[in-house]
Amino acid sequence: MKTATVTEFRQNIKEHLHEIEADQDVLILSRPKRKGKKSDFVVLTLEQYESMEETSHLLSSQANVLRLMQGIREAEQGKATIKDLGF
C-alpha cells in the first residue's frame, strides 16, 4: 500500500495511476484534518473495486458463506467437479 498527499498526487497523477494499475496496489491519499476529522481517500483500479464488491456480496449472507466453505472443503478433498460453462 502506497501513500501520497493530495497535492503530490495532483502533481504526478499519470505516474501514480500507472503504478496503481501496474502493481495492482492501492494508493492512500492523505490531506490535513478538516474540522478535526481525517479526510483521506483510497485510489484503486475499477477491477480491484469490483472484486471487493463481489467478495462483499458473496459473503453478505450466512447461507452463502456456508456454501462457499463447503465448496472449499470439497475442493481441498479432491471432490470438486470441473464443468465447462461454455464461456
N, C-alpha and C. Protein backbone atom coordinates (compact mmCIF):
# COMPACT_ATOMS: atom_id res chain seq x y z
N MET A 1 0.85 -1.17 0.00
CA MET A 1 0.00 0.00 0.00
C MET A 1 0.90 1.23 0.00
N LYS A 2 0.62 2.11 -0.93
CA LYS A 2 1.41 3.31 -1.06
C LYS A 2 0.62 4.51 -0.53
N THR A 3 1.35 5.55 -0.20
CA THR A 3 0.69 6.76 0.29
C THR A 3 1.23 7.98 -0.44
N ALA A 4 0.42 9.01 -0.52
CA ALA A 4 0.82 10.29 -1.10
C ALA A 4 -0.12 11.35 -0.57
N THR A 5 0.31 12.57 -0.65
CA THR A 5 -0.58 13.67 -0.32
C THR A 5 -1.42 13.98 -1.56
N VAL A 6 -2.53 14.65 -1.36
CA VAL A 6 -3.38 15.02 -2.49
C VAL A 6 -2.59 15.92 -3.44
N THR A 7 -1.81 16.83 -2.90
CA THR A 7 -1.01 17.73 -3.73
C THR A 7 -0.01 16.96 -4.57
N GLU A 8 0.69 16.02 -3.95
CA GLU A 8 1.66 15.20 -4.68
C GLU A 8 0.98 14.37 -5.75
N PHE A 9 -0.18 13.83 -5.44
CA PHE A 9 -0.94 13.04 -6.40
C PHE A 9 -1.31 13.90 -7.61
N ARG A 10 -1.80 15.10 -7.35
CA ARG A 10 -2.17 16.01 -8.42
C ARG A 10 -0.98 16.32 -9.34
N GLN A 11 0.17 16.50 -8.73
CA GLN A 11 1.36 16.85 -9.50
C GLN A 11 1.88 15.69 -10.34
N ASN A 12 1.65 14.47 -9.89
CA ASN A 12 2.18 13.28 -10.57
C ASN A 12 1.09 12.26 -10.87
N ILE A 13 -0.07 12.72 -11.28
CA ILE A 13 -1.23 11.83 -11.41
C ILE A 13 -0.99 10.69 -12.40
N LYS A 14 -0.37 10.96 -13.56
CA LYS A 14 -0.14 9.90 -14.54
C LYS A 14 0.75 8.80 -13.96
N GLU A 15 1.82 9.19 -13.29
CA GLU A 15 2.74 8.21 -12.71
C GLU A 15 2.07 7.39 -11.62
N HIS A 16 1.30 8.06 -10.76
CA HIS A 16 0.61 7.35 -9.67
C HIS A 16 -0.40 6.35 -10.24
N LEU A 17 -1.18 6.78 -11.23
CA LEU A 17 -2.18 5.88 -11.80
C LEU A 17 -1.52 4.70 -12.50
N HIS A 18 -0.42 4.94 -13.18
CA HIS A 18 0.31 3.85 -13.82
C HIS A 18 0.81 2.84 -12.78
N GLU A 19 1.37 3.33 -11.68
CA GLU A 19 1.85 2.43 -10.61
C GLU A 19 0.72 1.61 -10.02
N ILE A 20 -0.40 2.25 -9.76
CA ILE A 20 -1.55 1.55 -9.17
C ILE A 20 -2.00 0.42 -10.09
N GLU A 21 -2.07 0.71 -11.38
CA GLU A 21 -2.50 -0.30 -12.35
C GLU A 21 -1.45 -1.39 -12.51
N ALA A 22 -0.19 -1.02 -12.66
CA ALA A 22 0.88 -2.00 -12.90
C ALA A 22 1.09 -2.91 -11.70
N ASP A 23 1.04 -2.35 -10.50
CA ASP A 23 1.30 -3.13 -9.28
C ASP A 23 0.04 -3.74 -8.68
N GLN A 24 -1.13 -3.40 -9.23
CA GLN A 24 -2.41 -3.81 -8.63
C GLN A 24 -2.40 -3.48 -7.14
N ASP A 25 -1.97 -2.28 -6.85
CA ASP A 25 -1.86 -1.80 -5.48
C ASP A 25 -2.89 -0.70 -5.26
N VAL A 26 -3.02 -0.25 -4.05
CA VAL A 26 -3.88 0.88 -3.75
C VAL A 26 -3.01 2.04 -3.29
N LEU A 27 -3.55 3.23 -3.43
CA LEU A 27 -2.86 4.43 -3.01
C LEU A 27 -3.74 5.17 -2.02
N ILE A 28 -3.19 5.46 -0.86
CA ILE A 28 -3.90 6.24 0.16
C ILE A 28 -3.50 7.69 -0.02
N LEU A 29 -4.48 8.55 -0.26
CA LEU A 29 -4.23 9.98 -0.37
C LEU A 29 -4.59 10.63 0.95
N SER A 30 -3.64 11.33 1.50
CA SER A 30 -3.90 11.99 2.77
C SER A 30 -3.90 13.50 2.58
N ARG A 31 -4.71 14.14 3.37
CA ARG A 31 -4.71 15.59 3.40
C ARG A 31 -4.94 16.01 4.83
N PRO A 32 -4.68 17.25 5.15
CA PRO A 32 -4.81 17.70 6.54
C PRO A 32 -6.23 17.48 7.08
N LYS A 33 -6.29 17.29 8.38
CA LYS A 33 -7.60 17.10 9.03
C LYS A 33 -8.46 18.33 8.78
N ARG A 34 -9.74 18.07 8.59
CA ARG A 34 -10.70 19.16 8.41
C ARG A 34 -11.74 19.04 9.50
N LYS A 35 -11.92 20.12 10.24
CA LYS A 35 -12.88 20.13 11.34
C LYS A 35 -12.62 18.97 12.30
N GLY A 36 -11.33 18.65 12.51
CA GLY A 36 -10.94 17.62 13.46
C GLY A 36 -11.11 16.20 12.95
N LYS A 37 -11.50 16.03 11.69
CA LYS A 37 -11.71 14.69 11.13
C LYS A 37 -10.69 14.42 10.04
N LYS A 38 -10.25 13.16 9.96
CA LYS A 38 -9.38 12.76 8.86
C LYS A 38 -10.20 12.76 7.57
N SER A 39 -9.57 13.13 6.51
CA SER A 39 -10.27 13.11 5.22
C SER A 39 -9.36 12.49 4.17
N ASP A 40 -8.98 11.24 4.41
CA ASP A 40 -8.13 10.51 3.49
C ASP A 40 -8.99 9.81 2.43
N PHE A 41 -8.34 9.46 1.32
CA PHE A 41 -9.01 8.81 0.22
C PHE A 41 -8.22 7.59 -0.21
N VAL A 42 -8.90 6.67 -0.90
CA VAL A 42 -8.25 5.49 -1.44
C VAL A 42 -8.43 5.52 -2.95
N VAL A 43 -7.34 5.28 -3.68
CA VAL A 43 -7.40 5.21 -5.14
C VAL A 43 -7.02 3.79 -5.54
N LEU A 44 -7.87 3.15 -6.34
CA LEU A 44 -7.61 1.80 -6.81
C LEU A 44 -8.24 1.63 -8.17
N THR A 45 -7.88 0.57 -8.87
CA THR A 45 -8.44 0.34 -10.19
C THR A 45 -9.90 -0.11 -10.06
N LEU A 46 -10.64 0.08 -11.14
CA LEU A 46 -12.03 -0.37 -11.16
C LEU A 46 -12.10 -1.87 -10.97
N GLU A 47 -11.17 -2.60 -11.55
CA GLU A 47 -11.13 -4.06 -11.40
C GLU A 47 -10.99 -4.45 -9.92
N GLN A 48 -10.11 -3.77 -9.20
CA GLN A 48 -9.93 -4.05 -7.77
C GLN A 48 -11.22 -3.74 -7.01
N TYR A 49 -11.84 -2.60 -7.32
CA TYR A 49 -13.07 -2.21 -6.64
C TYR A 49 -14.17 -3.24 -6.89
N GLU A 50 -14.34 -3.64 -8.16
CA GLU A 50 -15.38 -4.62 -8.48
C GLU A 50 -15.13 -5.95 -7.79
N SER A 51 -13.87 -6.34 -7.67
CA SER A 51 -13.53 -7.57 -6.97
C SER A 51 -13.92 -7.49 -5.50
N MET A 52 -13.65 -6.35 -4.89
CA MET A 52 -14.03 -6.15 -3.48
C MET A 52 -15.54 -6.18 -3.31
N GLU A 53 -16.26 -5.56 -4.24
CA GLU A 53 -17.72 -5.56 -4.18
C GLU A 53 -18.27 -6.98 -4.33
N GLU A 54 -17.69 -7.75 -5.24
CA GLU A 54 -18.15 -9.13 -5.45
C GLU A 54 -17.90 -9.97 -4.20
N THR A 55 -16.73 -9.82 -3.61
CA THR A 55 -16.41 -10.56 -2.38
C THR A 55 -17.38 -10.19 -1.28
N SER A 56 -17.64 -8.90 -1.14
CA SER A 56 -18.59 -8.43 -0.12
C SER A 56 -19.97 -9.04 -0.35
N HIS A 57 -20.40 -9.08 -1.60
CA HIS A 57 -21.72 -9.66 -1.92
C HIS A 57 -21.74 -11.16 -1.59
N LEU A 58 -20.68 -11.87 -1.99
CA LEU A 58 -20.64 -13.31 -1.75
C LEU A 58 -20.64 -13.65 -0.26
N LEU A 59 -20.08 -12.78 0.54
CA LEU A 59 -20.01 -13.04 1.98
C LEU A 59 -21.12 -12.35 2.77
N SER A 60 -22.11 -11.79 2.06
CA SER A 60 -23.14 -11.00 2.73
C SER A 60 -24.22 -11.83 3.42
N SER A 61 -24.35 -13.10 3.05
CA SER A 61 -25.35 -13.93 3.73
C SER A 61 -24.67 -15.14 4.35
N GLN A 62 -25.12 -15.51 5.52
CA GLN A 62 -24.56 -16.67 6.23
C GLN A 62 -24.72 -17.95 5.41
N ALA A 63 -25.84 -18.09 4.73
CA ALA A 63 -26.08 -19.30 3.92
C ALA A 63 -25.05 -19.40 2.80
N ASN A 64 -24.76 -18.28 2.16
CA ASN A 64 -23.78 -18.31 1.07
C ASN A 64 -22.38 -18.59 1.59
N VAL A 65 -22.04 -18.03 2.74
CA VAL A 65 -20.73 -18.30 3.35
C VAL A 65 -20.59 -19.79 3.61
N LEU A 66 -21.63 -20.42 4.14
CA LEU A 66 -21.58 -21.86 4.42
C LEU A 66 -21.41 -22.66 3.13
N ARG A 67 -22.12 -22.26 2.05
CA ARG A 67 -21.98 -22.96 0.77
C ARG A 67 -20.55 -22.81 0.23
N LEU A 68 -20.00 -21.61 0.34
CA LEU A 68 -18.63 -21.39 -0.14
C LEU A 68 -17.63 -22.21 0.66
N MET A 69 -17.79 -22.24 1.97
CA MET A 69 -16.88 -23.02 2.82
C MET A 69 -16.98 -24.51 2.49
N GLN A 70 -18.19 -24.99 2.24
CA GLN A 70 -18.37 -26.40 1.87
C GLN A 70 -17.68 -26.67 0.54
N GLY A 71 -17.82 -25.77 -0.41
CA GLY A 71 -17.16 -25.93 -1.70
C GLY A 71 -15.64 -25.96 -1.58
N ILE A 72 -15.10 -25.11 -0.71
CA ILE A 72 -13.65 -25.09 -0.47
C ILE A 72 -13.20 -26.42 0.13
N ARG A 73 -13.95 -26.92 1.11
CA ARG A 73 -13.61 -28.22 1.73
C ARG A 73 -13.62 -29.33 0.70
N GLU A 74 -14.65 -29.35 -0.14
CA GLU A 74 -14.76 -30.39 -1.16
C GLU A 74 -13.60 -30.29 -2.16
N ALA A 75 -13.23 -29.08 -2.54
CA ALA A 75 -12.11 -28.90 -3.47
C ALA A 75 -10.81 -29.37 -2.84
N GLU A 76 -10.61 -29.07 -1.57
CA GLU A 76 -9.39 -29.50 -0.87
C GLU A 76 -9.32 -31.01 -0.74
N GLN A 77 -10.49 -31.66 -0.67
CA GLN A 77 -10.54 -33.12 -0.54
C GLN A 77 -10.55 -33.81 -1.91
N GLY A 78 -10.45 -33.02 -2.97
CA GLY A 78 -10.44 -33.59 -4.31
C GLY A 78 -11.81 -34.02 -4.80
N LYS A 79 -12.86 -33.54 -4.18
CA LYS A 79 -14.21 -33.93 -4.56
C LYS A 79 -14.87 -32.94 -5.52
N ALA A 80 -14.16 -31.92 -5.94
CA ALA A 80 -14.74 -30.90 -6.81
C ALA A 80 -14.87 -31.44 -8.23
N THR A 81 -15.91 -31.00 -8.91
CA THR A 81 -16.12 -31.36 -10.30
C THR A 81 -16.00 -30.11 -11.14
N ILE A 82 -15.19 -30.19 -12.18
CA ILE A 82 -15.00 -29.05 -13.07
C ILE A 82 -15.96 -29.19 -14.23
N LYS A 83 -16.73 -28.13 -14.48
CA LYS A 83 -17.70 -28.16 -15.57
C LYS A 83 -17.40 -27.02 -16.53
N ASP A 84 -17.54 -27.30 -17.83
CA ASP A 84 -17.38 -26.28 -18.85
C ASP A 84 -18.68 -25.52 -18.95
N LEU A 85 -18.62 -24.21 -18.68
CA LEU A 85 -19.84 -23.39 -18.73
C LEU A 85 -20.06 -22.79 -20.10
N GLY A 86 -19.16 -23.07 -21.02
CA GLY A 86 -19.35 -22.63 -22.39
C GLY A 86 -19.05 -21.17 -22.65
N PHE A 87 -18.28 -20.53 -21.78
CA PHE A 87 -17.94 -19.11 -21.99
C PHE A 87 -16.79 -18.98 -22.92
